[in-house]
């Protein structure tokens, strides 16, 4: 579900991934970038959101199995 949200509203998806400060910074940059570029920069923010979601999932998996890599 978070991946679908990342397609539409990347800053909100980043917030739900557990990165509130990164979400705020992304939101502040995302709004003017989308307005001034006409949406051309939107895929960059989608990739950022997906990377952070995957990273959070890997962190949870590592904590669950007790790995400290």
PDB file of N, CA and C in Angstrom:
ATOM      1  N   UNK A   1       0.821  -1.198   0.000  1.00  0.00           N
ATOM      2  CA  UNK A   1       0.000   0.000   0.000  1.00  0.00           C
ATOM      3  C   UNK A   1       0.867   1.266   0.000  1.00  0.00           C
ATOM      4  N   UNK A   2       1.985   1.182   0.711  1.00  0.00           N
ATOM      5  CA  UNK A   2       2.857   2.349   0.803  1.00  0.00           C
ATOM      6  C   UNK A   2       3.501   2.662  -0.546  1.00  0.00           C
ATOM      7  N   UNK A   3       3.698   1.628  -1.366  1.00  0.00           N
ATOM      8  CA  UNK A   3       4.278   1.856  -2.688  1.00  0.00           C
ATOM      9  C   UNK A   3       3.304   2.618  -3.592  1.00  0.00           C
ATOM     10  N   UNK A   4       2.032   2.330  -3.481  1.00  0.00           N
ATOM     11  CA  UNK A   4       1.018   3.053  -4.263  1.00  0.00           C
ATOM     12  C   UNK A   4       0.935   4.500  -3.793  1.00  0.00           C
ATOM     13  N   UNK A   5       1.012   4.697  -2.505  1.00  0.00           N
ATOM     14  CA  UNK A   5       1.005   6.046  -1.958  1.00  0.00           C
ATOM     15  C   UNK A   5       2.238   6.822  -2.425  1.00  0.00           C
ATOM     16  N   UNK A   6       3.354   6.132  -2.585  1.00  0.00           N
ATOM     17  CA  UNK A   6       4.585   6.778  -3.057  1.00  0.00           C
ATOM     18  C   UNK A   6       4.421   7.296  -4.484  1.00  0.00           C
ATOM     19  N   UNK A   7       3.583   6.652  -5.265  1.00  0.00           N
ATOM     20  CA  UNK A   7       3.331   7.122  -6.628  1.00  0.00           C
ATOM     21  C   UNK A   7       2.587   8.453  -6.640  1.00  0.00           C
ATOM     22  N   UNK A   8       1.694   8.635  -5.694  1.00  0.00           N
ATOM     23  CA  UNK A   8       0.842   9.829  -5.680  1.00  0.00           C
ATOM     24  C   UNK A   8       1.396  10.947  -4.795  1.00  0.00           C
ATOM     25  N   UNK A   9       1.787  10.598  -3.585  1.00  0.00           N
ATOM     26  CA  UNK A   9       2.274  11.583  -2.611  1.00  0.00           C
ATOM     27  C   UNK A   9       3.541  11.066  -1.927  1.00  0.00           C
ATOM     28  N   UNK A  10       4.680  11.214  -2.575  1.00  0.00           N
ATOM     29  CA  UNK A  10       5.923  10.682  -1.995  1.00  0.00           C
ATOM     30  C   UNK A  10       6.249  11.176  -0.583  1.00  0.00           C
ATOM     31  N   UNK A  11       6.049  12.468  -0.252  1.00  0.00           N
ATOM     32  CA  UNK A  11       6.381  12.892   1.117  1.00  0.00           C
ATOM     33  C   UNK A  11       5.541  12.179   2.190  1.00  0.00           C
ATOM     34  N   UNK A  12       4.278  11.940   1.903  1.00  0.00           N
ATOM     35  CA  UNK A  12       3.427  11.243   2.863  1.00  0.00           C
ATOM     36  C   UNK A  12       3.862   9.787   3.010  1.00  0.00           C
ATOM     37  N   UNK A  13       4.250   9.182   1.923  1.00  0.00           N
ATOM     38  CA  UNK A  13       4.751   7.816   1.961  1.00  0.00           C
ATOM     39  C   UNK A  13       6.034   7.721   2.778  1.00  0.00           C
ATOM     40  N   UNK A  14       6.904   8.700   2.638  1.00  0.00           N
ATOM     41  CA  UNK A  14       8.145   8.728   3.413  1.00  0.00           C
ATOM     42  C   UNK A  14       7.823   8.895   4.899  1.00  0.00           C
ATOM     43  N   UNK A  15       6.825   9.696   5.209  1.00  0.00           N
ATOM     44  CA  UNK A  15       6.399   9.868   6.599  1.00  0.00           C
ATOM     45  C   UNK A  15       5.906   8.542   7.167  1.00  0.00           C
ATOM     46  N   UNK A  16       5.112   7.799   6.406  1.00  0.00           N
ATOM     47  CA  UNK A  16       4.610   6.508   6.868  1.00  0.00           C
ATOM     48  C   UNK A  16       5.712   5.463   6.956  1.00  0.00           C
ATOM     49  N   UNK A  17       6.809   5.672   6.237  1.00  0.00           N
ATOM     50  CA  UNK A  17       7.946   4.746   6.308  1.00  0.00           C
ATOM     51  C   UNK A  17       8.771   4.978   7.568  1.00  0.00           C
ATOM     52  N   UNK A  18       8.423   5.998   8.348  1.00  0.00           N
ATOM     53  CA  UNK A  18       9.101   6.234   9.617  1.00  0.00           C
ATOM     54  C   UNK A  18      10.230   7.237   9.555  1.00  0.00           C
ATOM     55  N   UNK A  19      10.202   8.116   8.575  1.00  0.00           N
ATOM     56  CA  UNK A  19      11.242   9.140   8.413  1.00  0.00           C
ATOM     57  C   UNK A  19      10.601  10.532   8.415  1.00  0.00           C
ATOM     58  N   UNK A  20      10.173  11.037   9.585  1.00  0.00           N
ATOM     59  CA  UNK A  20       9.433  12.301   9.606  1.00  0.00           C
ATOM     60  C   UNK A  20      10.249  13.520   9.170  1.00  0.00           C
ATOM     61  N   UNK A  21      11.514  13.599   9.538  1.00  0.00           N
ATOM     62  CA  UNK A  21      12.315  14.774   9.169  1.00  0.00           C
ATOM     63  C   UNK A  21      12.592  14.771   7.673  1.00  0.00           C
ATOM     64  N   UNK A  22      12.912  13.599   7.134  1.00  0.00           N
ATOM     65  CA  UNK A  22      13.134  13.486   5.689  1.00  0.00           C
ATOM     66  C   UNK A  22      11.843  13.801   4.939  1.00  0.00           C
ATOM     67  N   UNK A  23      10.699  13.401   5.499  1.00  0.00           N
ATOM     68  CA  UNK A  23       9.410  13.689   4.866  1.00  0.00           C
ATOM     69  C   UNK A  23       9.144  15.190   4.807  1.00  0.00           C
ATOM     70  N   UNK A  24       9.464  15.904   5.866  1.00  0.00           N
ATOM     71  CA  UNK A  24       9.251  17.355   5.889  1.00  0.00           C
ATOM     72  C   UNK A  24      10.159  18.048   4.881  1.00  0.00           C
ATOM     73  N   UNK A  25      11.423  17.654   4.869  1.00  0.00           N
ATOM     74  CA  UNK A  25      12.364  18.252   3.914  1.00  0.00           C
ATOM     75  C   UNK A  25      11.939  17.932   2.488  1.00  0.00           C
ATOM     76  N   UNK A  26      11.523  16.707   2.246  1.00  0.00           N
ATOM     77  CA  UNK A  26      11.070  16.312   0.915  1.00  0.00           C
ATOM     78  C   UNK A  26       9.834  17.100   0.505  1.00  0.00           C
ATOM     79  N   UNK A  27       8.911  17.305   1.429  1.00  0.00           N
ATOM     80  CA  UNK A  27       7.707  18.062   1.114  1.00  0.00           C
ATOM     81  C   UNK A  27       8.041  19.503   0.728  1.00  0.00           C
ATOM     82  N   UNK A  28       8.961  20.098   1.480  1.00  0.00           N
ATOM     83  CA  UNK A  28       9.348  21.483   1.206  1.00  0.00           C
ATOM     84  C   UNK A  28       9.996  21.604  -0.180  1.00  0.00           C
ATOM     85  N   UNK A  29      10.729  20.602  -0.587  1.00  0.00           N
ATOM     86  CA  UNK A  29      11.370  20.627  -1.902  1.00  0.00           C
ATOM     87  C   UNK A  29      10.410  20.164  -2.991  1.00  0.00           C
ATOM     88  N   UNK A  30       9.542  19.204  -2.679  1.00  0.00           N
ATOM     89  CA  UNK A  30       8.656  18.576  -3.660  1.00  0.00           C
ATOM     90  C   UNK A  30       7.630  19.547  -4.244  1.00  0.00           C
ATOM     91  N   UNK A  31       6.995  20.344  -3.409  1.00  0.00           N
ATOM     92  CA  UNK A  31       5.951  21.258  -3.885  1.00  0.00           C
ATOM     93  C   UNK A  31       6.482  22.229  -4.942  1.00  0.00           C
ATOM     94  N   UNK A  32       7.536  22.997  -4.670  1.00  0.00           N
ATOM     95  CA  UNK A  32       8.021  23.901  -5.717  1.00  0.00           C
ATOM     96  C   UNK A  32       8.573  23.154  -6.931  1.00  0.00           C
ATOM     97  N   UNK A  33       9.190  22.002  -6.717  1.00  0.00           N
ATOM     98  CA  UNK A  33       9.746  21.246  -7.836  1.00  0.00           C
ATOM     99  C   UNK A  33       8.643  20.788  -8.786  1.00  0.00           C
ATOM    100  N   UNK A  34       7.543  20.317  -8.247  1.00  0.00           N
ATOM    101  CA  UNK A  34       6.432  19.866  -9.089  1.00  0.00           C
ATOM    102  C   UNK A  34       5.776  21.053  -9.792  1.00  0.00           C
ATOM    103  N   UNK A  35       5.636  22.161  -9.101  1.00  0.00           N
ATOM    104  CA  UNK A  35       4.991  23.338  -9.692  1.00  0.00           C
ATOM    105  C   UNK A  35       5.846  23.930 -10.798  1.00  0.00           C
ATOM    106  N   UNK A  36       7.125  24.143 -10.528  1.00  0.00           N
ATOM    107  CA  UNK A  36       7.977  24.826 -11.501  1.00  0.00           C
ATOM    108  C   UNK A  36       8.412  23.938 -12.662  1.00  0.00           C
ATOM    109  N   UNK A  37       8.530  22.636 -12.438  1.00  0.00           N
ATOM    110  CA  UNK A  37       8.967  21.758 -13.527  1.00  0.00           C
ATOM    111  C   UNK A  37       7.793  21.133 -14.264  1.00  0.00           C
ATOM    112  N   UNK A  38       6.606  21.358 -13.798  1.00  0.00           N
ATOM    113  CA  UNK A  38       5.443  20.769 -14.444  1.00  0.00           C
ATOM    114  C   UNK A  38       5.313  19.278 -14.188  1.00  0.00           C
ATOM    115  N   UNK A  39       5.911  18.782 -13.141  1.00  0.00           N
ATOM    116  CA  UNK A  39       5.819  17.371 -12.791  1.00  0.00           C
ATOM    117  C   UNK A  39       6.978  16.530 -13.288  1.00  0.00           C
ATOM    118  N   UNK A  40       7.943  17.129 -13.953  1.00  0.00           N
ATOM    119  CA  UNK A  40       9.069  16.357 -14.492  1.00  0.00           C
ATOM    120  C   UNK A  40       9.970  15.790 -13.402  1.00  0.00           C
ATOM    121  N   UNK A  41       9.990  16.404 -12.228  1.00  0.00           N
ATOM    122  CA  UNK A  41      10.847  15.916 -11.146  1.00  0.00           C
ATOM    123  C   UNK A  41      10.136  14.904 -10.250  1.00  0.00           C
ATOM    124  N   UNK A  42       8.855  14.675 -10.470  1.00  0.00           N
ATOM    125  CA  UNK A  42       8.080  13.767  -9.621  1.00  0.00           C
ATOM    126  C   UNK A  42       8.678  12.355  -9.566  1.00  0.00           C
ATOM    127  N   UNK A  43       9.141  11.772 -10.676  1.00  0.00           N
ATOM    128  CA  UNK A  43       9.733  10.425 -10.590  1.00  0.00           C
ATOM    129  C   UNK A  43      10.938  10.334  -9.652  1.00  0.00           C
ATOM    130  N   UNK A  44      11.698  11.396  -9.541  1.00  0.00           N
ATOM    131  CA  UNK A  44      12.841  11.399  -8.631  1.00  0.00           C
ATOM    132  C   UNK A  44      12.368  11.205  -7.183  1.00  0.00           C
ATOM    133  N   UNK A  45      11.282  11.845  -6.815  1.00  0.00           N
ATOM    134  CA  UNK A  45      10.765  11.724  -5.454  1.00  0.00           C
ATOM    135  C   UNK A  45      10.124  10.352  -5.234  1.00  0.00           C
ATOM    136  N   UNK A  46       9.530   9.785  -6.283  1.00  0.00           N
ATOM    137  CA  UNK A  46       8.987   8.429  -6.178  1.00  0.00           C
ATOM    138  C   UNK A  46      10.113   7.442  -5.895  1.00  0.00           C
ATOM    139  N   UNK A  47      11.226   7.578  -6.602  1.00  0.00           N
ATOM    140  CA  UNK A  47      12.375   6.696  -6.362  1.00  0.00           C
ATOM    141  C   UNK A  47      12.918   6.858  -4.951  1.00  0.00           C
ATOM    142  N   UNK A  48      12.993   8.086  -4.475  1.00  0.00           N
ATOM    143  CA  UNK A  48      13.451   8.333  -3.111  1.00  0.00           C
ATOM    144  C   UNK A  48      12.543   7.626  -2.109  1.00  0.00           C
ATOM    145  N   UNK A  49      11.236   7.754  -2.299  1.00  0.00           N
ATOM    146  CA  UNK A  49      10.285   7.123  -1.384  1.00  0.00           C
ATOM    147  C   UNK A  49      10.434   5.606  -1.417  1.00  0.00           C
ATOM    148  N   UNK A  50      10.552   5.022  -2.602  1.00  0.00           N
ATOM    149  CA  UNK A  50      10.689   3.566  -2.707  1.00  0.00           C
ATOM    150  C   UNK A  50      11.974   3.078  -2.050  1.00  0.00           C
ATOM    151  N   UNK A  51      13.064   3.813  -2.232  1.00  0.00           N
ATOM    152  CA  UNK A  51      14.328   3.421  -1.610  1.00  0.00           C
ATOM    153  C   UNK A  51      14.212   3.458  -0.090  1.00  0.00           C
ATOM    154  N   UNK A  52      13.578   4.491   0.438  1.00  0.00           N
ATOM    155  CA  UNK A  52      13.424   4.592   1.896  1.00  0.00           C
ATOM    156  C   UNK A  52      12.490   3.517   2.444  1.00  0.00           C
ATOM    157  N   UNK A  53      11.457   3.157   1.682  1.00  0.00           N
ATOM    158  CA  UNK A  53      10.559   2.080   2.103  1.00  0.00           C
ATOM    159  C   UNK A  53      11.323   0.759   2.148  1.00  0.00           C
ATOM    160  N   UNK A  54      12.094   0.477   1.100  1.00  0.00           N
ATOM    161  CA  UNK A  54      12.881  -0.755   1.068  1.00  0.00           C
ATOM    162  C   UNK A  54      13.918  -0.794   2.184  1.00  0.00           C
ATOM    163  N   UNK A  55      14.559   0.330   2.444  1.00  0.00           N
ATOM    164  CA  UNK A  55      15.562   0.402   3.501  1.00  0.00           C
ATOM    165  C   UNK A  55      14.922   0.142   4.871  1.00  0.00           C
ATOM    166  N   UNK A  56      13.766   0.708   5.099  1.00  0.00           N
ATOM    167  CA  UNK A  56      13.062   0.469   6.363  1.00  0.00           C
ATOM    168  C   UNK A  56      12.664  -0.982   6.521  1.00  0.00           C
ATOM    169  N   UNK A  57      12.252  -1.605   5.436  1.00  0.00           N
ATOM    170  CA  UNK A  57      11.880  -3.015   5.481  1.00  0.00           C
ATOM    171  C   UNK A  57      13.096  -3.882   5.798  1.00  0.00           C
ATOM    172  N   UNK A  58      14.235  -3.565   5.192  1.00  0.00           N
ATOM    173  CA  UNK A  58      15.461  -4.316   5.468  1.00  0.00           C
ATOM    174  C   UNK A  58      15.910  -4.109   6.914  1.00  0.00           C
ATOM    175  N   UNK A  59      15.782  -2.905   7.440  1.00  0.00           N
ATOM    176  CA  UNK A  59      16.145  -2.644   8.833  1.00  0.00           C
ATOM    177  C   UNK A  59      15.280  -3.463   9.785  1.00  0.00           C
ATOM    178  N   UNK A  60      13.980  -3.512   9.514  1.00  0.00           N
ATOM    179  CA  UNK A  60      13.082  -4.303  10.356  1.00  0.00           C
ATOM    180  C   UNK A  60      13.417  -5.786  10.283  1.00  0.00           C
ATOM    181  N   UNK A  61      13.733  -6.257   9.086  1.00  0.00           N
ATOM    182  CA  UNK A  61      14.080  -7.663   8.910  1.00  0.00           C
ATOM    183  C   UNK A  61      15.369  -7.987   9.659  1.00  0.00           C
ATOM    184  N   UNK A  62      16.337  -7.095   9.617  1.00  0.00           N
ATOM    185  CA  UNK A  62      17.611  -7.318  10.317  1.00  0.00           C
ATOM    186  C   UNK A  62      17.402  -7.337  11.832  1.00  0.00           C
ATOM    187  N   UNK A  63      16.563  -6.446  12.327  1.00  0.00           N
ATOM    188  CA  UNK A  63      16.282  -6.435  13.764  1.00  0.00           C
ATOM    189  C   UNK A  63      15.536  -7.699  14.193  1.00  0.00           C
ATOM    190  N   UNK A  64      14.643  -8.174  13.340  1.00  0.00           N
ATOM    191  CA  UNK A  64      13.853  -9.342  13.667  1.00  0.00           C
ATOM    192  C   UNK A  64      14.736 -10.593  13.795  1.00  0.00           C
ATOM    193  N   UNK A  65      15.711 -10.722  12.938  1.00  0.00           N
ATOM    194  CA  UNK A  65      16.564 -11.899  12.950  1.00  0.00           C
ATOM    195  C   UNK A  65      17.859 -11.672  13.731  1.00  0.00           C
ATOM    196  N   UNK A  66      18.024 -10.515  14.326  1.00  0.00           N
ATOM    197  CA  UNK A  66      19.156 -10.262  15.191  1.00  0.00           C
ATOM    198  C   UNK A  66      20.470 -10.031  14.484  1.00  0.00           C
ATOM    199  N   UNK A  67      20.411  -9.659  13.215  1.00  0.00           N
ATOM    200  CA  UNK A  67      21.655  -9.382  12.496  1.00  0.00           C
ATOM    201  C   UNK A  67      22.065  -7.936  12.723  1.00  0.00           C
ATOM    202  N   UNK A  68      23.340  -7.698  12.817  1.00  0.00           N
ATOM    203  CA  UNK A  68      23.856  -6.340  13.020  1.00  0.00           C
ATOM    204  C   UNK A  68      24.795  -5.941  11.905  1.00  0.00           C
ATOM    205  N   UNK A  69      24.457  -6.261  10.675  1.00  0.00           N
ATOM    206  CA  UNK A  69      25.312  -5.938   9.518  1.00  0.00           C
ATOM    207  C   UNK A  69      25.298  -4.474   9.226  1.00  0.00           C
TER     208      UNK A  69
END
